[in-house]
C-alpha atoms as a PDB file:
ATOM      1  CA  MET A   1     238.263  92.014 120.816  1.00  0.00           C
ATOM      2  CA  GLU A   2     241.715  92.467 122.384  1.00  0.00           C
ATOM      3  CA  GLU A   3     240.218  94.565 125.209  1.00  0.00           C
ATOM      4  CA  LYS A   4     237.719  91.798 126.031  1.00  0.00           C
ATOM      5  CA  LYS A   5     240.526  89.211 126.133  1.00  0.00           C
ATOM      6  CA  ASP A   6     242.589  91.431 128.461  1.00  0.00           C
ATOM      7  CA  ARG A   7     239.607  91.864 130.774  1.00  0.00           C
ATOM      8  CA  ASN A   8     239.102  88.093 130.855  1.00  0.00           C
ATOM      9  CA  ILE A   9     242.741  87.575 131.842  1.00  0.00           C
ATOM     10  CA  VAL A  10     242.438  90.153 134.628  1.00  0.00           C
ATOM     11  CA  SER A  11     239.195  88.565 135.809  1.00  0.00           C
ATOM     12  CA  SER A  12     240.681  85.056 135.874  1.00  0.00           C
ATOM     13  CA  ASP A  13     243.862  86.340 137.544  1.00  0.00           C
ATOM     14  CA  GLU A  14     241.743  87.793 140.322  1.00  0.00           C
ATOM     15  CA  GLN A  15     239.652  84.630 140.535  1.00  0.00           C
ATOM     16  CA  PHE A  16     242.706  82.408 140.926  1.00  0.00           C
ATOM     17  CA  MET A  17     244.418  84.839 143.322  1.00  0.00           C
ATOM     18  CA  ARG A  18     241.317  84.645 145.516  1.00  0.00           C
ATOM     19  CA  GLN A  19     241.884  80.893 145.663  1.00  0.00           C
ATOM     20  CA  ALA A  20     245.506  81.525 146.690  1.00  0.00           C
ATOM     21  CA  LEU A  21     244.147  83.823 149.424  1.00  0.00           C
ATOM     22  CA  VAL A  22     241.978  80.942 150.677  1.00  0.00           C
ATOM     23  CA  GLU A  23     245.175  78.915 151.007  1.00  0.00           C
ATOM     24  CA  ALA A  24     246.879  81.808 152.821  1.00  0.00           C
ATOM     25  CA  GLU A  25     244.038  81.851 155.365  1.00  0.00           C
ATOM     26  CA  LYS A  26     244.502  78.109 155.903  1.00  0.00           C
ATOM     27  CA  ALA A  27     248.163  78.783 156.634  1.00  0.00           C
ATOM     28  CA  ALA A  28     247.274  81.510 159.132  1.00  0.00           C
ATOM     29  CA  ASP A  29     244.772  79.212 160.862  1.00  0.00           C
ATOM     30  CA  ALA A  30     247.597  76.662 161.262  1.00  0.00           C
ATOM     31  CA  GLY A  31     249.993  79.257 162.719  1.00  0.00           C
ATOM     32  CA  GLU A  32     252.007  79.466 159.502  1.00  0.00           C
ATOM     33  CA  VAL A  33     253.023  82.695 157.770  1.00  0.00           C
ATOM     34  CA  PRO A  34     249.948  83.186 155.581  1.00  0.00           C
ATOM     35  CA  ILE A  35     251.144  82.699 152.048  1.00  0.00           C
ATOM     36  CA  GLY A  36     249.061  80.666 149.655  1.00  0.00           C
ATOM     37  CA  ALA A  37     249.522  79.435 146.111  1.00  0.00           C
ATOM     38  CA  VAL A  38     247.634  77.679 143.349  1.00  0.00           C
ATOM     39  CA  VAL A  39     248.851  76.255 140.050  1.00  0.00           C
ATOM     40  CA  VAL A  40     246.574  76.554 137.047  1.00  0.00           C
ATOM     41  CA  ALA A  41     246.765  74.544 133.807  1.00  0.00           C
ATOM     42  CA  GLY A  42     244.207  74.730 131.040  1.00  0.00           C
ATOM     43  CA  GLY A  43     242.033  77.098 133.039  1.00  0.00           C
ATOM     44  CA  ARG A  44     241.689  74.806 136.056  1.00  0.00           C
ATOM     45  CA  ILE A  45     243.463  74.538 139.375  1.00  0.00           C
ATOM     46  CA  VAL A  46     245.733  71.493 139.427  1.00  0.00           C
ATOM     47  CA  ALA A  47     247.413  72.205 142.787  1.00  0.00           C
ATOM     48  CA  ARG A  48     246.720  74.175 145.966  1.00  0.00           C
ATOM     49  CA  ALA A  49     249.217  74.844 148.718  1.00  0.00           C
ATOM     50  CA  HIS A  50     250.213  77.092 151.575  1.00  0.00           C
ATOM     51  CA  ASN A  51     253.224  77.532 153.806  1.00  0.00           C
ATOM     52  CA  LEU A  52     254.035  74.479 155.920  1.00  0.00           C
ATOM     53  CA  THR A  53     257.422  75.480 157.334  1.00  0.00           C
ATOM     54  CA  GLU A  54     256.292  75.239 160.972  1.00  0.00           C
ATOM     55  CA  THR A  55     254.140  72.152 160.498  1.00  0.00           C
ATOM     56  CA  LEU A  56     256.878  70.214 158.711  1.00  0.00           C
ATOM     57  CA  CYS A  57     259.774  71.866 160.570  1.00  0.00           C
ATOM     58  CA  ASP A  58     261.250  72.521 157.134  1.00  0.00           C
ATOM     59  CA  VAL A  59     262.497  75.933 156.017  1.00  0.00           C
ATOM     60  CA  THR A  60     261.969  74.949 152.370  1.00  0.00           C
ATOM     61  CA  ALA A  61     258.243  74.155 152.790  1.00  0.00           C
ATOM     62  CA  HIS A  62     257.100  77.445 151.255  1.00  0.00           C
ATOM     63  CA  ALA A  63     253.723  77.611 149.526  1.00  0.00           C
ATOM     64  CA  GLU A  64     255.333  77.750 146.086  1.00  0.00           C
ATOM     65  CA  MET A  65     257.511  74.698 146.725  1.00  0.00           C
ATOM     66  CA  GLN A  66     254.499  72.723 147.967  1.00  0.00           C
ATOM     67  CA  ALA A  67     252.476  73.855 144.938  1.00  0.00           C
ATOM     68  CA  ILE A  68     255.206  72.848 142.475  1.00  0.00           C
ATOM     69  CA  THR A  69     255.412  69.375 143.999  1.00  0.00           C
ATOM     70  CA  ALA A  70     251.635  68.928 144.043  1.00  0.00           C
ATOM     71  CA  ALA A  71     251.263  70.162 140.452  1.00  0.00           C
ATOM     72  CA  ALA A  72     254.026  67.877 139.187  1.00  0.00           C
ATOM     73  CA  GLU A  73     252.324  64.928 140.861  1.00  0.00           C
ATOM     74  CA  SER A  74     248.900  65.935 139.530  1.00  0.00           C
ATOM     75  CA  LEU A  75     250.140  66.420 135.963  1.00  0.00           C
ATOM     76  CA  GLY A  76     252.537  63.491 135.950  1.00  0.00           C
ATOM     77  CA  GLY A  77     255.746  65.338 135.145  1.00  0.00           C
ATOM     78  CA  LYS A  78     258.314  67.680 136.636  1.00  0.00           C
ATOM     79  CA  TYR A  79     257.991  70.411 134.001  1.00  0.00           C
ATOM     80  CA  LEU A  80     255.099  72.834 134.358  1.00  0.00           C
ATOM     81  CA  THR A  81     255.548  74.549 131.007  1.00  0.00           C
ATOM     82  CA  ASP A  82     251.893  75.357 130.402  1.00  0.00           C
ATOM     83  CA  CYS A  83     251.130  76.384 133.967  1.00  0.00           C
ATOM     84  CA  THR A  84     250.591  79.611 135.860  1.00  0.00           C
ATOM     85  CA  LEU A  85     251.467  79.841 139.533  1.00  0.00           C
ATOM     86  CA  TYR A  86     249.448  82.326 141.590  1.00  0.00           C
ATOM     87  CA  VAL A  87     250.975  83.257 144.940  1.00  0.00           C
ATOM     88  CA  THR A  88     249.885  85.877 147.440  1.00  0.00           C
ATOM     89  CA  VAL A  89     253.398  87.272 148.036  1.00  0.00           C
ATOM     90  CA  GLU A  90     256.298  87.675 145.604  1.00  0.00           C
ATOM     91  CA  PRO A  91     258.413  84.497 145.625  1.00  0.00           C
ATOM     92  CA  CYS A  92     261.746  84.420 147.422  1.00  0.00           C
ATOM     93  CA  PRO A  93     264.899  83.546 145.439  1.00  0.00           C
ATOM     94  CA  MET A  94     264.668  79.862 146.452  1.00  0.00           C
ATOM     95  CA  CYS A  95     261.101  79.537 145.219  1.00  0.00           C
ATOM     96  CA  ALA A  96     261.727  81.565 142.074  1.00  0.00           C
ATOM     97  CA  GLY A  97     264.669  79.276 141.300  1.00  0.00           C
ATOM     98  CA  ALA A  98     262.452  76.224 141.701  1.00  0.00           C
ATOM     99  CA  LEU A  99     259.823  77.841 139.471  1.00  0.00           C
ATOM    100  CA  GLY A 100     262.558  78.361 136.892  1.00  0.00           C
ATOM    101  CA  TRP A 101     263.720  74.743 137.085  1.00  0.00           C
ATOM    102  CA  ALA A 102     260.101  73.588 136.783  1.00  0.00           C
ATOM    103  CA  GLN A 103     259.760  75.823 133.711  1.00  0.00           C
ATOM    104  CA  VAL A 104     256.565  77.453 134.981  1.00  0.00           C
ATOM    105  CA  SER A 105     255.449  79.657 132.113  1.00  0.00           C
ATOM    106  CA  ARG A 106     253.752  82.405 134.131  1.00  0.00           C
ATOM    107  CA  VAL A 107     254.061  83.631 137.708  1.00  0.00           C
ATOM    108  CA  VAL A 108     251.459  85.967 139.212  1.00  0.00           C
ATOM    109  CA  TRP A 109     251.776  87.440 142.690  1.00  0.00           C
ATOM    110  CA  GLY A 110     249.827  89.790 144.879  1.00  0.00           C
ATOM    111  CA  ALA A 111     251.975  91.691 147.376  1.00  0.00           C
ATOM    112  CA  ALA A 112     255.565  92.626 146.660  1.00  0.00           C
ATOM    113  CA  ASP A 113     258.265  91.445 149.061  1.00  0.00           C
ATOM    114  CA  GLU A 114     260.776  94.271 149.072  1.00  0.00           C
ATOM    115  CA  LYS A 115     262.953  92.657 151.751  1.00  0.00           C
ATOM    116  CA  ARG A 116     263.213  89.062 150.509  1.00  0.00           C
ATOM    117  CA  GLY A 117     261.619  88.915 147.072  1.00  0.00           C
ATOM    118  CA  PHE A 118     263.475  87.340 144.181  1.00  0.00           C
ATOM    119  CA  ARG A 119     263.546  90.566 142.155  1.00  0.00           C
ATOM    120  CA  LYS A 120     265.910  92.133 144.688  1.00  0.00           C
ATOM    121  CA  TYR A 121     268.415  89.262 144.744  1.00  0.00           C
ATOM    122  CA  ALA A 122     267.912  87.155 141.624  1.00  0.00           C
ATOM    123  CA  PRO A 123     265.767  88.963 139.059  1.00  0.00           C
ATOM    124  CA  SER A 124     266.765  86.601 136.224  1.00  0.00           C
ATOM    125  CA  VAL A 125     266.168  83.297 138.018  1.00  0.00           C
ATOM    126  CA  LEU A 126     262.803  82.438 136.440  1.00  0.00           C
ATOM    127  CA  HIS A 127     262.774  80.491 133.175  1.00  0.00           C
ATOM    128  CA  ALA A 128     263.787  82.700 130.240  1.00  0.00           C
ATOM    129  CA  LYS A 129     260.359  82.324 128.600  1.00  0.00           C
ATOM    130  CA  ALA A 130     258.374  82.919 131.798  1.00  0.00           C
ATOM    131  CA  THR A 131     256.163  85.954 132.103  1.00  0.00           C
ATOM    132  CA  THR A 132     255.139  87.660 135.319  1.00  0.00           C
ATOM    133  CA  GLU A 133     252.281  89.737 136.620  1.00  0.00           C
ATOM    134  CA  GLU A 134     252.506  91.555 139.917  1.00  0.00           C
ATOM    135  CA  GLY A 135     250.047  93.360 142.134  1.00  0.00           C
ATOM    136  CA  VAL A 136     246.952  91.199 141.592  1.00  0.00           C
ATOM    137  CA  LEU A 137     244.782  91.857 144.660  1.00  0.00           C
ATOM    138  CA  ALA A 138     247.928  93.303 146.265  1.00  0.00           C
ATOM    139  CA  ASP A 139     246.133  95.121 149.091  1.00  0.00           C
ATOM    140  CA  GLU A 140     244.206  92.019 150.147  1.00  0.00           C
ATOM    141  CA  CYS A 141     247.331  89.862 149.981  1.00  0.00           C
ATOM    142  CA  LYS A 142     249.334  92.371 152.014  1.00  0.00           C
ATOM    143  CA  GLU A 143     246.571  92.697 154.613  1.00  0.00           C
ATOM    144  CA  VAL A 144     246.495  88.941 155.310  1.00  0.00           C
ATOM    145  CA  VAL A 145     250.205  88.967 156.167  1.00  0.00           C
ATOM    146  CA  GLN A 146     250.036  92.213 158.167  1.00  0.00           C
ATOM    147  CA  ARG A 147     247.044  90.967 160.182  1.00  0.00           C
ATOM    148  CA  PHE A 148     248.882  87.729 160.986  1.00  0.00           C
ATOM    149  CA  PHE A 149     251.924  89.551 162.359  1.00  0.00           C
ATOM    150  CA  ARG A 150     249.806  92.132 164.221  1.00  0.00           C
ATOM    151  CA  GLU A 151     247.984  89.309 166.022  1.00  0.00           C
ATOM    152  CA  LYS A 152     251.245  87.475 166.688  1.00  0.00           C
ATOM    153  CA  ARG A 153     252.740  90.557 168.391  1.00  0.00           C
ATOM    154  CA  ARG A 154     249.822  91.050 170.806  1.00  0.00           C
END
């Protein structure tokens, strides 16, 4: 029974990460660094977002920040204690801090960010009870970002 439950979690993690990848593609189409995020509560997506830093001329308009705001509005409160955030790239320290303040209970990311990811600079910034999962569809998430920068350098 436990094995079936674990497989279901993996399957839903991949399903929701694919939705975050859809958001990342929207960001790329808009000329934004292609990072996408979704927030899930009770098995359903309550918020979708992607980077908007160029569009809004705002360095804080990361996908995670947009997703937190949208989820809080959707759920009617600032704390996201029963939510999972799926994001295509490991959150930066700013976003991880916001996830901590929002008390997001689970954070799942695809590609690691070895240069600017929160684990390098602030590994304890998430809420103390939060759990994490890394590497979900990592190759696909990494490819979206690499393709964007390859095309930008042409």
